[in-house]
Amino acid sequence: MTNIVIQSFFHNWMSIFGMFSFPLWIFSGIWFLPDQVPQPFREYMLYNPLLHIVMMFRAGFYWNINSFYLDTYYVVGVSILVMVVGFALMQVARRKVLEPT
């Protein structure tokens, strides 16, 4: 919803968003475990909520995996915050979003 509102004001937003979101997917822990990353870099990577979501999926599939760095409260908190911001922006910019381009 946030992207829809921003896209209604800036028509090239999805191209810019794609450039910013690609590194998030690269560093989301799909190809490696966070335990394998050296300590100074791991601390920065743990701010990525996608990393925690990937760890949650791994914990669901592999029952014996130890996910020491998994923080489900962080994922839920970021998700609720993004949803609330998206709902608020949609209410504020409803007319701009609904007008034809």
PDB file of N, CA and C in Angstrom:
ATOM      1  N   MET A   1       0.815  -1.186   0.000  1.00  0.00           N
ATOM      2  CA  MET A   1       0.000   0.000   0.000  1.00  0.00           C
ATOM      3  C   MET A   1       0.863   1.254   0.000  1.00  0.00           C
ATOM      4  N   THR A   2       1.966   1.194   0.693  1.00  0.00           N
ATOM      5  CA  THR A   2       2.857   2.341   0.703  1.00  0.00           C
ATOM      6  C   THR A   2       3.415   2.593  -0.695  1.00  0.00           C
ATOM      7  N   ASN A   3       3.769   1.529  -1.396  1.00  0.00           N
ATOM      8  CA  ASN A   3       4.276   1.683  -2.760  1.00  0.00           C
ATOM      9  C   ASN A   3       3.212   2.238  -3.697  1.00  0.00           C
ATOM     10  N   ILE A   4       1.961   1.885  -3.500  1.00  0.00           N
ATOM     11  CA  ILE A   4       0.885   2.409  -4.342  1.00  0.00           C
ATOM     12  C   ILE A   4       0.772   3.922  -4.165  1.00  0.00           C
ATOM     13  N   VAL A   5       0.827   4.386  -2.932  1.00  0.00           N
ATOM     14  CA  VAL A   5       0.710   5.819  -2.670  1.00  0.00           C
ATOM     15  C   VAL A   5       1.914   6.565  -3.244  1.00  0.00           C
ATOM     16  N   ILE A   6       3.107   6.045  -3.016  1.00  0.00           N
ATOM     17  CA  ILE A   6       4.296   6.716  -3.542  1.00  0.00           C
ATOM     18  C   ILE A   6       4.288   6.695  -5.062  1.00  0.00           C
ATOM     19  N   GLN A   7       3.832   5.590  -5.663  1.00  0.00           N
ATOM     20  CA  GLN A   7       3.754   5.482  -7.121  1.00  0.00           C
ATOM     21  C   GLN A   7       2.779   6.501  -7.708  1.00  0.00           C
ATOM     22  N   SER A   8       1.732   6.838  -6.974  1.00  0.00           N
ATOM     23  CA  SER A   8       0.778   7.818  -7.490  1.00  0.00           C
ATOM     24  C   SER A   8       1.364   9.227  -7.547  1.00  0.00           C
ATOM     25  N   PHE A   9       2.373   9.503  -6.722  1.00  0.00           N
ATOM     26  CA  PHE A   9       3.021  10.808  -6.744  1.00  0.00           C
ATOM     27  C   PHE A   9       4.276  10.822  -7.618  1.00  0.00           C
ATOM     28  N   PHE A  10       5.041   9.736  -7.607  1.00  0.00           N
ATOM     29  CA  PHE A  10       6.283   9.619  -8.385  1.00  0.00           C
ATOM     30  C   PHE A  10       6.156   8.410  -9.306  1.00  0.00           C
ATOM     31  N   HIS A  11       6.017   8.663 -10.588  1.00  0.00           N
ATOM     32  CA  HIS A  11       5.711   7.580 -11.530  1.00  0.00           C
ATOM     33  C   HIS A  11       6.869   6.621 -11.760  1.00  0.00           C
ATOM     34  N   ASN A  12       8.077   6.999 -11.442  1.00  0.00           N
ATOM     35  CA  ASN A  12       9.228   6.107 -11.603  1.00  0.00           C
ATOM     36  C   ASN A  12       9.597   5.394 -10.305  1.00  0.00           C
ATOM     37  N   TRP A  13       8.714   5.405  -9.349  1.00  0.00           N
ATOM     38  CA  TRP A  13       9.031   4.864  -8.030  1.00  0.00           C
ATOM     39  C   TRP A  13       9.331   3.375  -8.062  1.00  0.00           C
ATOM     40  N   MET A  14       8.633   2.599  -8.864  1.00  0.00           N
ATOM     41  CA  MET A  14       8.850   1.151  -8.842  1.00  0.00           C
ATOM     42  C   MET A  14      10.240   0.784  -9.359  1.00  0.00           C
ATOM     43  N   SER A  15      10.787   1.550 -10.265  1.00  0.00           N
ATOM     44  CA  SER A  15      12.165   1.310 -10.711  1.00  0.00           C
ATOM     45  C   SER A  15      13.150   1.602  -9.583  1.00  0.00           C
ATOM     46  N   ILE A  16      12.914   2.696  -8.878  1.00  0.00           N
ATOM     47  CA  ILE A  16      13.781   3.046  -7.744  1.00  0.00           C
ATOM     48  C   ILE A  16      13.634   2.023  -6.628  1.00  0.00           C
ATOM     49  N   PHE A  17      12.401   1.604  -6.358  1.00  0.00           N
ATOM     50  CA  PHE A  17      12.157   0.610  -5.309  1.00  0.00           C
ATOM     51  C   PHE A  17      12.829  -0.716  -5.651  1.00  0.00           C
ATOM     52  N   GLY A  18      12.823  -1.085  -6.915  1.00  0.00           N
ATOM     53  CA  GLY A  18      13.492  -2.315  -7.326  1.00  0.00           C
ATOM     54  C   GLY A  18      14.988  -2.275  -7.071  1.00  0.00           C
ATOM     55  N   MET A  19      15.590  -1.117  -7.285  1.00  0.00           N
ATOM     56  CA  MET A  19      17.027  -0.988  -7.025  1.00  0.00           C
ATOM     57  C   MET A  19      17.336  -1.070  -5.531  1.00  0.00           C
ATOM     58  N   PHE A  20      16.430  -0.564  -4.691  1.00  0.00           N
ATOM     59  CA  PHE A  20      16.663  -0.619  -3.249  1.00  0.00           C
ATOM     60  C   PHE A  20      16.301  -1.977  -2.641  1.00  0.00           C
ATOM     61  N   SER A  21      15.319  -2.650  -3.203  1.00  0.00           N
ATOM     62  CA  SER A  21      14.891  -3.914  -2.613  1.00  0.00           C
ATOM     63  C   SER A  21      15.745  -5.094  -3.055  1.00  0.00           C
ATOM     64  N   PHE A  22      16.463  -4.967  -4.172  1.00  0.00           N
ATOM     65  CA  PHE A  22      17.309  -6.082  -4.623  1.00  0.00           C
ATOM     66  C   PHE A  22      18.382  -6.443  -3.600  1.00  0.00           C
ATOM     67  N   PRO A  23      19.109  -5.480  -3.020  1.00  0.00           N
ATOM     68  CA  PRO A  23      20.082  -5.860  -1.986  1.00  0.00           C
ATOM     69  C   PRO A  23      19.434  -6.495  -0.753  1.00  0.00           C
ATOM     70  N   LEU A  24      18.201  -6.112  -0.435  1.00  0.00           N
ATOM     71  CA  LEU A  24      17.526  -6.755   0.698  1.00  0.00           C
ATOM     72  C   LEU A  24      17.325  -8.239   0.437  1.00  0.00           C
ATOM     73  N   TRP A  25      16.985  -8.587  -0.799  1.00  0.00           N
ATOM     74  CA  TRP A  25      16.807 -10.003  -1.134  1.00  0.00           C
ATOM     75  C   TRP A  25      18.142 -10.733  -1.165  1.00  0.00           C
ATOM     76  N   ILE A  26      19.187 -10.066  -1.646  1.00  0.00           N
ATOM     77  CA  ILE A  26      20.511 -10.701  -1.689  1.00  0.00           C
ATOM     78  C   ILE A  26      20.981 -11.040  -0.272  1.00  0.00           C
ATOM     79  N   PHE A  27      20.790 -10.100   0.654  1.00  0.00           N
ATOM     80  CA  PHE A  27      21.268 -10.289   2.021  1.00  0.00           C
ATOM     81  C   PHE A  27      20.193 -10.802   2.964  1.00  0.00           C
ATOM     82  N   SER A  28      19.195 -11.500   2.434  1.00  0.00           N
ATOM     83  CA  SER A  28      18.124 -12.007   3.287  1.00  0.00           C
ATOM     84  C   SER A  28      18.396 -13.418   3.797  1.00  0.00           C
ATOM     85  N   GLY A  29      19.534 -13.971   3.504  1.00  0.00           N
ATOM     86  CA  GLY A  29      19.878 -15.280   4.050  1.00  0.00           C
ATOM     87  C   GLY A  29      19.320 -16.442   3.277  1.00  0.00           C
ATOM     88  N   ILE A  30      19.026 -16.265   2.005  1.00  0.00           N
ATOM     89  CA  ILE A  30      18.511 -17.371   1.208  1.00  0.00           C
ATOM     90  C   ILE A  30      19.623 -18.355   0.894  1.00  0.00           C
ATOM     91  N   TRP A  31      20.807 -17.855   0.575  1.00  0.00           N
ATOM     92  CA  TRP A  31      21.904 -18.719   0.149  1.00  0.00           C
ATOM     93  C   TRP A  31      22.887 -19.038   1.264  1.00  0.00           C
ATOM     94  N   PHE A  32      22.685 -18.522   2.446  1.00  0.00           N
ATOM     95  CA  PHE A  32      23.608 -18.772   3.549  1.00  0.00           C
ATOM     96  C   PHE A  32      22.850 -18.686   4.860  1.00  0.00           C
ATOM     97  N   LEU A  33      23.444 -19.230   5.888  1.00  0.00           N
ATOM     98  CA  LEU A  33      22.890 -19.123   7.238  1.00  0.00           C
ATOM     99  C   LEU A  33      23.492 -17.905   7.930  1.00  0.00           C
ATOM    100  N   PRO A  34      22.713 -17.207   8.725  1.00  0.00           N
ATOM    101  CA  PRO A  34      23.277 -16.046   9.436  1.00  0.00           C
ATOM    102  C   PRO A  34      24.401 -16.423  10.389  1.00  0.00           C
ATOM    103  N   ASP A  35      24.430 -17.673  10.852  1.00  0.00           N
ATOM    104  CA  ASP A  35      25.498 -18.105  11.747  1.00  0.00           C
ATOM    105  C   ASP A  35      26.849 -18.142  11.041  1.00  0.00           C
ATOM    106  N   GLN A  36      26.852 -18.244   9.714  1.00  0.00           N
ATOM    107  CA  GLN A  36      28.098 -18.337   8.951  1.00  0.00           C
ATOM    108  C   GLN A  36      28.710 -16.970   8.646  1.00  0.00           C
ATOM    109  N   VAL A  37      27.975 -15.912   8.880  1.00  0.00           N
ATOM    110  CA  VAL A  37      28.451 -14.565   8.574  1.00  0.00           C
ATOM    111  C   VAL A  37      29.291 -14.072   9.748  1.00  0.00           C
ATOM    112  N   PRO A  38      30.429 -13.416   9.476  1.00  0.00           N
ATOM    113  CA  PRO A  38      31.249 -12.890  10.582  1.00  0.00           C
ATOM    114  C   PRO A  38      30.491 -11.865  11.423  1.00  0.00           C
ATOM    115  N   GLN A  39      30.901 -11.726  12.650  1.00  0.00           N
ATOM    116  CA  GLN A  39      30.171 -10.950  13.650  1.00  0.00           C
ATOM    117  C   GLN A  39      29.871  -9.499  13.268  1.00  0.00           C
ATOM    118  N   PRO A  40      30.783  -8.694  12.787  1.00  0.00           N
ATOM    119  CA  PRO A  40      30.371  -7.297  12.554  1.00  0.00           C
ATOM    120  C   PRO A  40      29.307  -7.165  11.474  1.00  0.00           C
ATOM    121  N   PHE A  41      29.333  -8.031  10.469  1.00  0.00           N
ATOM    122  CA  PHE A  41      28.347  -7.953   9.393  1.00  0.00           C
ATOM    123  C   PHE A  41      27.007  -8.558   9.805  1.00  0.00           C
ATOM    124  N   ARG A  42      27.049  -9.547  10.670  1.00  0.00           N
ATOM    125  CA  ARG A  42      25.825 -10.212  11.117  1.00  0.00           C
ATOM    126  C   ARG A  42      24.916  -9.244  11.864  1.00  0.00           C
ATOM    127  N   GLU A  43      25.495  -8.371  12.661  1.00  0.00           N
ATOM    128  CA  GLU A  43      24.698  -7.408  13.411  1.00  0.00           C
ATOM    129  C   GLU A  43      23.897  -6.500  12.488  1.00  0.00           C
ATOM    130  N   TYR A  44      24.504  -6.074  11.384  1.00  0.00           N
ATOM    131  CA  TYR A  44      23.794  -5.220  10.424  1.00  0.00           C
ATOM    132  C   TYR A  44      22.755  -6.008   9.647  1.00  0.00           C
ATOM    133  N   MET A  45      23.058  -7.243   9.346  1.00  0.00           N
ATOM    134  CA  MET A  45      22.118  -8.064   8.573  1.00  0.00           C
ATOM    135  C   MET A  45      20.873  -8.414   9.373  1.00  0.00           C
ATOM    136  N   LEU A  46      20.990  -8.459  10.687  1.00  0.00           N
ATOM    137  CA  LEU A  46      19.835  -8.809  11.511  1.00  0.00           C
ATOM    138  C   LEU A  46      18.787  -7.707  11.552  1.00  0.00           C
ATOM    139  N   TYR A  47      19.080  -6.530  11.019  1.00  0.00           N
ATOM    140  CA  TYR A  47      18.072  -5.482  10.895  1.00  0.00           C
ATOM    141  C   TYR A  47      17.138  -5.732   9.716  1.00  0.00           C
ATOM    142  N   ASN A  48      17.489  -6.643   8.828  1.00  0.00           N
ATOM    143  CA  ASN A  48      16.674  -6.969   7.669  1.00  0.00           C
ATOM    144  C   ASN A  48      15.549  -7.918   8.110  1.00  0.00           C
ATOM    145  N   PRO A  49      14.282  -7.496   8.041  1.00  0.00           N
ATOM    146  CA  PRO A  49      13.207  -8.388   8.473  1.00  0.00           C
ATOM    147  C   PRO A  49      13.053  -9.603   7.575  1.00  0.00           C
ATOM    148  N   LEU A  50      13.471  -9.513   6.321  1.00  0.00           N
ATOM    149  CA  LEU A  50      13.384 -10.673   5.428  1.00  0.00           C
ATOM    150  C   LEU A  50      14.299 -11.796   5.890  1.00  0.00           C
ATOM    151  N   LEU A  51      15.405 -11.454   6.506  1.00  0.00           N
ATOM    152  CA  LEU A  51      16.312 -12.464   7.048  1.00  0.00           C
ATOM    153  C   LEU A  51      15.610 -13.289   8.124  1.00  0.00           C
ATOM    154  N   HIS A  52      14.849 -12.641   8.979  1.00  0.00           N
ATOM    155  CA  HIS A  52      14.125 -13.340  10.039  1.00  0.00           C
ATOM    156  C   HIS A  52      13.003 -14.192   9.454  1.00  0.00           C
ATOM    157  N   ILE A  53      12.360 -13.718   8.394  1.00  0.00           N
ATOM    158  CA  ILE A  53      11.295 -14.504   7.759  1.00  0.00           C
ATOM    159  C   ILE A  53      11.881 -15.763   7.131  1.00  0.00           C
ATOM    160  N   VAL A  54      13.038 -15.647   6.497  1.00  0.00           N
ATOM    161  CA  VAL A  54      13.692 -16.830   5.917  1.00  0.00           C
ATOM    162  C   VAL A  54      14.093 -17.801   7.027  1.00  0.00           C
ATOM    163  N   MET A  55      14.573 -17.272   8.147  1.00  0.00           N
ATOM    164  CA  MET A  55      14.920 -18.146   9.270  1.00  0.00           C
ATOM    165  C   MET A  55      13.678 -18.840   9.829  1.00  0.00           C
ATOM    166  N   MET A  56      12.529 -18.155   9.826  1.00  0.00           N
ATOM    167  CA  MET A  56      11.293 -18.778  10.293  1.00  0.00           C
ATOM    168  C   MET A  56      10.883 -19.925   9.374  1.00  0.00           C
ATOM    169  N   PHE A  57      11.017 -19.732   8.065  1.00  0.00           N
ATOM    170  CA  PHE A  57      10.726 -20.810   7.125  1.00  0.00           C
ATOM    171  C   PHE A  57      11.657 -21.988   7.324  1.00  0.00           C
ATOM    172  N   ARG A  58      12.937 -21.720   7.523  1.00  0.00           N
ATOM    173  CA  ARG A  58      13.888 -22.811   7.766  1.00  0.00           C
ATOM    174  C   ARG A  58      13.543 -23.570   9.041  1.00  0.00           C
ATOM    175  N   ALA A  59      13.163 -22.844  10.080  1.00  0.00           N
ATOM    176  CA  ALA A  59      12.798 -23.505  11.338  1.00  0.00           C
ATOM    177  C   ALA A  59      11.535 -24.336  11.169  1.00  0.00           C
ATOM    178  N   GLY A  60      10.648 -23.934  10.252  1.00  0.00           N
ATOM    179  CA  GLY A  60       9.447 -24.713  10.002  1.00  0.00           C
ATOM    180  C   GLY A  60       9.712 -25.988   9.222  1.00  0.00           C
ATOM    181  N   PHE A  61      10.672 -25.965   8.321  1.00  0.00           N
ATOM    182  CA  PHE A  61      10.971 -27.136   7.505  1.00  0.00           C
ATOM    183  C   PHE A  61      11.945 -28.097   8.177  1.00  0.00           C
ATOM    184  N   TYR A  62      12.935 -27.560   8.857  1.00  0.00           N
ATOM    185  CA  TYR A  62      13.965 -28.388   9.484  1.00  0.00           C
ATOM    186  C   TYR A  62      13.806 -28.287  10.994  1.00  0.00           C
ATOM    187  N   TRP A  63      13.351 -29.349  11.611  1.00  0.00           N
ATOM    188  CA  TRP A  63      13.022 -29.303  13.030  1.00  0.00           C
ATOM    189  C   TRP A  63      14.262 -29.232  13.910  1.00  0.00           C
ATOM    190  N   ASN A  64      15.423 -29.645  13.397  1.00  0.00           N
ATOM    191  CA  ASN A  64      16.616 -29.658  14.244  1.00  0.00           C
ATOM    192  C   ASN A  64      17.520 -28.450  14.015  1.00  0.00           C
ATOM    193  N   ILE A  65      17.053 -27.447  13.301  1.00  0.00           N
ATOM    194  CA  ILE A  65      17.888 -26.270  13.067  1.00  0.00           C
ATOM    195  C   ILE A  65      17.841 -25.356  14.298  1.00  0.00           C
ATOM    196  N   ASN A  66      18.992 -24.838  14.649  1.00  0.00           N
ATOM    197  CA  ASN A  66      19.082 -23.911  15.781  1.00  0.00           C
ATOM    198  C   ASN A  66      19.149 -22.498  15.228  1.00  0.00           C
ATOM    199  N   SER A  67      18.088 -21.751  15.397  1.00  0.00           N
ATOM    200  CA  SER A  67      18.061 -20.376  14.913  1.00  0.00           C
ATOM    201  C   SER A  67      18.187 -19.438  16.117  1.00  0.00           C
ATOM    202  N   PHE A  68      19.428 -19.206  16.513  1.00  0.00           N
ATOM    203  CA  PHE A  68      19.692 -18.393  17.692  1.00  0.00           C
ATOM    204  C   PHE A  68      19.314 -16.931  17.482  1.00  0.00           C
ATOM    205  N   TYR A  69      19.408 -16.471  16.250  1.00  0.00           N
ATOM    206  CA  TYR A  69      19.210 -15.050  15.969  1.00  0.00           C
ATOM    207  C   TYR A  69      17.799 -14.726  15.504  1.00  0.00           C
ATOM    208  N   LEU A  70      16.923 -15.699  15.490  1.00  0.00           N
ATOM    209  CA  LEU A  70      15.550 -15.478  15.051  1.00  0.00           C
ATOM    210  C   LEU A  70      14.793 -14.660  16.108  1.00  0.00           C
ATOM    211  N   ASP A  71      14.185 -13.576  15.645  1.00  0.00           N
ATOM    212  CA  ASP A  71      13.405 -12.716  16.535  1.00  0.00           C
ATOM    213  C   ASP A  71      12.020 -12.526  15.914  1.00  0.00           C
ATOM    214  N   THR A  72      11.056 -13.328  16.350  1.00  0.00           N
ATOM    215  CA  THR A  72       9.714 -13.262  15.769  1.00  0.00           C
ATOM    216  C   THR A  72       8.998 -11.972  16.161  1.00  0.00           C
ATOM    217  N   TYR A  73       9.301 -11.447  17.323  1.00  0.00           N
ATOM    218  CA  TYR A  73       8.679 -10.186  17.727  1.00  0.00           C
ATOM    219  C   TYR A  73       9.110  -9.037  16.819  1.00  0.00           C
ATOM    220  N   TYR A  74      10.348  -9.074  16.365  1.00  0.00           N
ATOM    221  CA  TYR A  74      10.838  -8.047  15.449  1.00  0.00           C
ATOM    222  C   TYR A  74      10.085  -8.124  14.119  1.00  0.00           C
ATOM    223  N   VAL A  75       9.881  -9.320  13.599  1.00  0.00           N
ATOM    224  CA  VAL A  75       9.172  -9.488  12.329  1.00  0.00           C
ATOM    225  C   VAL A  75       7.729  -9.024  12.462  1.00  0.00           C
ATOM    226  N   VAL A  76       7.068  -9.417  13.532  1.00  0.00           N
ATOM    227  CA  VAL A  76       5.679  -9.011  13.744  1.00  0.00           C
ATOM    228  C   VAL A  76       5.579  -7.501  13.936  1.00  0.00           C
ATOM    229  N   GLY A  77       6.499  -6.924  14.693  1.00  0.00           N
ATOM    230  CA  GLY A  77       6.483  -5.482  14.925  1.00  0.00           C
ATOM    231  C   GLY A  77       6.700  -4.679  13.650  1.00  0.00           C
ATOM    232  N   VAL A  78       7.667  -5.095  12.839  1.00  0.00           N
ATOM    233  CA  VAL A  78       7.921  -4.394  11.575  1.00  0.00           C
ATOM    234  C   VAL A  78       6.734  -4.561  10.635  1.00  0.00           C
ATOM    235  N   SER A  79       6.143  -5.743  10.597  1.00  0.00           N
ATOM    236  CA  SER A  79       4.984  -5.981   9.729  1.00  0.00           C
ATOM    237  C   SER A  79       3.799  -5.113  10.132  1.00  0.00           C
ATOM    238  N   ILE A  80       3.528  -5.023  11.417  1.00  0.00           N
ATOM    239  CA  ILE A  80       2.415  -4.193  11.884  1.00  0.00           C
ATOM    240  C   ILE A  80       2.700  -2.721  11.600  1.00  0.00           C
ATOM    241  N   LEU A  81       3.923  -2.284  11.823  1.00  0.00           N
ATOM    242  CA  LEU A  81       4.278  -0.894  11.553  1.00  0.00           C
ATOM    243  C   LEU A  81       4.107  -0.551  10.075  1.00  0.00           C
ATOM    244  N   VAL A  82       4.564  -1.425   9.184  1.00  0.00           N
ATOM    245  CA  VAL A  82       4.433  -1.171   7.745  1.00  0.00           C
ATOM    246  C   VAL A  82       2.962  -1.186   7.326  1.00  0.00           C
ATOM    247  N   MET A  83       2.171  -2.080   7.905  1.00  0.00           N
ATOM    248  CA  MET A  83       0.740  -2.105   7.575  1.00  0.00           C
ATOM    249  C   MET A  83       0.032  -0.843   8.053  1.00  0.00           C
ATOM    250  N   VAL A  84       0.323  -0.393   9.259  1.00  0.00           N
ATOM    251  CA  VAL A  84      -0.319   0.815   9.781  1.00  0.00           C
ATOM    252  C   VAL A  84       0.068   2.035   8.949  1.00  0.00           C
ATOM    253  N   VAL A  85       1.343   2.145   8.591  1.00  0.00           N
ATOM    254  CA  VAL A  85       1.777   3.259   7.736  1.00  0.00           C
ATOM    255  C   VAL A  85       1.096   3.178   6.375  1.00  0.00           C
ATOM    256  N   GLY A  86       0.985   1.972   5.815  1.00  0.00           N
ATOM    257  CA  GLY A  86       0.317   1.808   4.531  1.00  0.00           C
ATOM    258  C   GLY A  86      -1.152   2.181   4.583  1.00  0.00           C
ATOM    259  N   PHE A  87      -1.854   1.742   5.613  1.00  0.00           N
ATOM    260  CA  PHE A  87      -3.271   2.101   5.769  1.00  0.00           C
ATOM    261  C   PHE A  87      -3.446   3.613   5.943  1.00  0.00           C
ATOM    262  N   ALA A  88      -2.580   4.230   6.746  1.00  0.00           N
ATOM    263  CA  ALA A  88      -2.680   5.674   6.968  1.00  0.00           C
ATOM    264  C   ALA A  88      -2.408   6.451   5.681  1.00  0.00           C
ATOM    265  N   LEU A  89      -1.403   6.039   4.940  1.00  0.00           N
ATOM    266  CA  LEU A  89      -1.112   6.720   3.680  1.00  0.00           C
ATOM    267  C   LEU A  89      -2.237   6.542   2.665  1.00  0.00           C
ATOM    268  N   MET A  90      -2.851   5.372   2.652  1.00  0.00           N
ATOM    269  CA  MET A  90      -3.967   5.152   1.729  1.00  0.00           C
ATOM    270  C   MET A  90      -5.154   6.044   2.098  1.00  0.00           C
ATOM    271  N   GLN A  91      -5.402   6.253   3.378  1.00  0.00           N
ATOM    272  CA  GLN A  91      -6.492   7.125   3.792  1.00  0.00           C
ATOM    273  C   GLN A  91      -6.204   8.582   3.452  1.00  0.00           C
ATOM    274  N   VAL A  92      -4.951   8.999   3.628  1.00  0.00           N
ATOM    275  CA  VAL A  92      -4.589  10.382   3.357  1.00  0.00           C
ATOM    276  C   VAL A  92      -4.615  10.675   1.859  1.00  0.00           C
ATOM    277  N   ALA A  93      -4.120   9.758   1.056  1.00  0.00           N
ATOM    278  CA  ALA A  93      -3.971  10.009  -0.383  1.00  0.00           C
ATOM    279  C   ALA A  93      -4.986   9.225  -1.212  1.00  0.00           C
ATOM    280  N   ARG A  94      -6.154   8.960  -0.676  1.00  0.00           N
ATOM    281  CA  ARG A  94      -7.152   8.156  -1.368  1.00  0.00           C
ATOM    282  C   ARG A  94      -7.551   8.767  -2.712  1.00  0.00           C
ATOM    283  N   ARG A  95      -7.793  10.049  -2.747  1.00  0.00           N
ATOM    284  CA  ARG A  95      -8.236  10.691  -3.997  1.00  0.00           C
ATOM    285  C   ARG A  95      -7.144  10.676  -5.058  1.00  0.00           C
ATOM    286  N   LYS A  96      -5.919  10.894  -4.648  1.00  0.00           N
ATOM    287  CA  LYS A  96      -4.803  10.885  -5.600  1.00  0.00           C
ATOM    288  C   LYS A  96      -4.593   9.488  -6.170  1.00  0.00           C
ATOM    289  N   VAL A  97      -4.759   8.470  -5.334  1.00  0.00           N
ATOM    290  CA  VAL A  97      -4.563   7.093  -5.785  1.00  0.00           C
ATOM    291  C   VAL A  97      -5.680   6.673  -6.731  1.00  0.00           C
ATOM    292  N   LEU A  98      -6.902   7.095  -6.454  1.00  0.00           N
ATOM    293  CA  LEU A  98      -8.035   6.656  -7.261  1.00  0.00           C
ATOM    294  C   LEU A  98      -8.228   7.438  -8.555  1.00  0.00           C
ATOM    295  N   GLU A  99      -7.608   8.586  -8.695  1.00  0.00           N
ATOM    296  CA  GLU A  99      -7.792   9.358  -9.920  1.00  0.00           C
ATOM    297  C   GLU A  99      -7.053   8.675 -11.079  1.00  0.00           C
ATOM    298  N   PRO A 100      -7.662   8.688 -12.265  1.00  0.00           N
ATOM    299  CA  PRO A 100      -7.033   8.021 -13.415  1.00  0.00           C
ATOM    300  C   PRO A 100      -5.774   8.771 -13.850  1.00  0.00           C
ATOM    301  N   THR A 101      -4.824   8.016 -14.361  1.00  0.00           N
ATOM    302  CA  THR A 101      -3.566   8.629 -14.795  1.00  0.00           C
ATOM    303  C   THR A 101      -3.596   8.990 -16.255  1.00  0.00           C
TER     304      THR A 101
END
